[in-house]
């Protein structure tokens, strides 16, 4: 059995056909795992990127020391 999908619907892109239940599971997974940073987190990420660009970084050992995680 062949099904022809009009070009108007695909706009030349490839399509994937899956059962509705599997599609809904994929959509739910995306909603659960999608990272949406808060304003505070965005601000901290911007600061971290600026510091990294300037070369102001810590080694893993320095980070562990600063957090008190070394013996």
C-alpha atoms as a PDB file:
ATOM      1  CA  UNK A   1       0.000   0.000   0.000  1.00  0.00           C
ATOM      2  CA  UNK A   2       1.375   3.403  -0.984  1.00  0.00           C
ATOM      3  CA  UNK A   3       0.272   6.709   0.418  1.00  0.00           C
ATOM      4  CA  UNK A   4       1.095   9.900  -1.430  1.00  0.00           C
ATOM      5  CA  UNK A   5       1.335  13.049   0.652  1.00  0.00           C
ATOM      6  CA  UNK A   6       0.981  16.299  -1.304  1.00  0.00           C
ATOM      7  CA  UNK A   7       4.020  18.560  -1.559  1.00  0.00           C
ATOM      8  CA  UNK A   8       1.946  21.395  -0.065  1.00  0.00           C
ATOM      9  CA  UNK A   9       1.810  19.516   3.235  1.00  0.00           C
ATOM     10  CA  UNK A  10       5.450  18.423   3.389  1.00  0.00           C
ATOM     11  CA  UNK A  11       7.139  21.481   1.842  1.00  0.00           C
ATOM     12  CA  UNK A  12       9.769  19.037   0.567  1.00  0.00           C
ATOM     13  CA  UNK A  13      10.653  17.793   4.057  1.00  0.00           C
ATOM     14  CA  UNK A  14      10.855  14.170   5.149  1.00  0.00           C
ATOM     15  CA  UNK A  15       8.049  12.842   7.320  1.00  0.00           C
ATOM     16  CA  UNK A  16       7.906  10.160   9.977  1.00  0.00           C
ATOM     17  CA  UNK A  17       4.740   8.232  10.690  1.00  0.00           C
ATOM     18  CA  UNK A  18       4.311   6.839  14.195  1.00  0.00           C
ATOM     19  CA  UNK A  19       1.304   5.797  16.234  1.00  0.00           C
ATOM     20  CA  UNK A  20      -0.417   8.626  18.112  1.00  0.00           C
ATOM     21  CA  UNK A  21       0.321   7.046  21.495  1.00  0.00           C
ATOM     22  CA  UNK A  22       4.080   7.011  20.785  1.00  0.00           C
ATOM     23  CA  UNK A  23       3.941  10.615  19.556  1.00  0.00           C
ATOM     24  CA  UNK A  24       2.207  11.708  22.769  1.00  0.00           C
ATOM     25  CA  UNK A  25       4.852   9.914  24.842  1.00  0.00           C
ATOM     26  CA  UNK A  26       7.591  11.757  22.939  1.00  0.00           C
ATOM     27  CA  UNK A  27       5.865  15.089  23.479  1.00  0.00           C
ATOM     28  CA  UNK A  28       5.507  14.363  27.203  1.00  0.00           C
ATOM     29  CA  UNK A  29       9.183  13.397  27.475  1.00  0.00           C
ATOM     30  CA  UNK A  30      10.183  16.652  25.816  1.00  0.00           C
ATOM     31  CA  UNK A  31       8.097  18.617  28.280  1.00  0.00           C
ATOM     32  CA  UNK A  32       9.624  16.816  31.236  1.00  0.00           C
ATOM     33  CA  UNK A  33      13.263  17.101  30.193  1.00  0.00           C
ATOM     34  CA  UNK A  34      13.352  20.463  28.440  1.00  0.00           C
ATOM     35  CA  UNK A  35      15.648  22.878  30.277  1.00  0.00           C
ATOM     36  CA  UNK A  36      14.009  26.255  30.855  1.00  0.00           C
ATOM     37  CA  UNK A  37      16.274  28.400  33.009  1.00  0.00           C
ATOM     38  CA  UNK A  38      14.861  31.009  35.356  1.00  0.00           C
ATOM     39  CA  UNK A  39      15.963  34.656  35.145  1.00  0.00           C
ATOM     40  CA  UNK A  40      18.459  34.059  37.936  1.00  0.00           C
ATOM     41  CA  UNK A  41      19.943  31.023  36.218  1.00  0.00           C
ATOM     42  CA  UNK A  42      20.145  32.883  32.899  1.00  0.00           C
ATOM     43  CA  UNK A  43      22.003  35.707  34.635  1.00  0.00           C
ATOM     44  CA  UNK A  44      24.421  33.236  36.264  1.00  0.00           C
ATOM     45  CA  UNK A  45      25.009  31.503  32.908  1.00  0.00           C
ATOM     46  CA  UNK A  46      25.753  34.822  31.223  1.00  0.00           C
ATOM     47  CA  UNK A  47      28.246  35.671  33.970  1.00  0.00           C
ATOM     48  CA  UNK A  48      29.881  32.240  33.652  1.00  0.00           C
ATOM     49  CA  UNK A  49      30.190  32.668  29.889  1.00  0.00           C
ATOM     50  CA  UNK A  50      31.793  36.106  30.322  1.00  0.00           C
ATOM     51  CA  UNK A  51      34.239  34.703  32.874  1.00  0.00           C
ATOM     52  CA  UNK A  52      35.094  31.789  30.601  1.00  0.00           C
ATOM     53  CA  UNK A  53      35.682  34.155  27.691  1.00  0.00           C
ATOM     54  CA  UNK A  54      38.083  36.160  29.899  1.00  0.00           C
ATOM     55  CA  UNK A  55      39.860  32.946  30.915  1.00  0.00           C
ATOM     56  CA  UNK A  56      38.621  33.223  34.491  1.00  0.00           C
ATOM     57  CA  UNK A  57      37.923  29.555  35.158  1.00  0.00           C
ATOM     58  CA  UNK A  58      38.594  27.023  37.886  1.00  0.00           C
ATOM     59  CA  UNK A  59      40.129  23.604  37.584  1.00  0.00           C
ATOM     60  CA  UNK A  60      38.108  20.716  38.951  1.00  0.00           C
ATOM     61  CA  UNK A  61      40.543  20.518  41.889  1.00  0.00           C
ATOM     62  CA  UNK A  62      40.059  24.236  42.667  1.00  0.00           C
ATOM     63  CA  UNK A  63      36.298  23.862  42.488  1.00  0.00           C
ATOM     64  CA  UNK A  64      36.323  20.907  44.868  1.00  0.00           C
ATOM     65  CA  UNK A  65      38.560  22.856  47.278  1.00  0.00           C
ATOM     66  CA  UNK A  66      36.216  25.897  47.140  1.00  0.00           C
ATOM     67  CA  UNK A  67      33.229  23.671  47.848  1.00  0.00           C
ATOM     68  CA  UNK A  68      35.038  21.861  50.656  1.00  0.00           C
ATOM     69  CA  UNK A  69      34.834  18.508  48.908  1.00  0.00           C
ATOM     70  CA  UNK A  70      38.503  17.508  49.206  1.00  0.00           C
ATOM     71  CA  UNK A  71      40.136  15.683  52.088  1.00  0.00           C
END
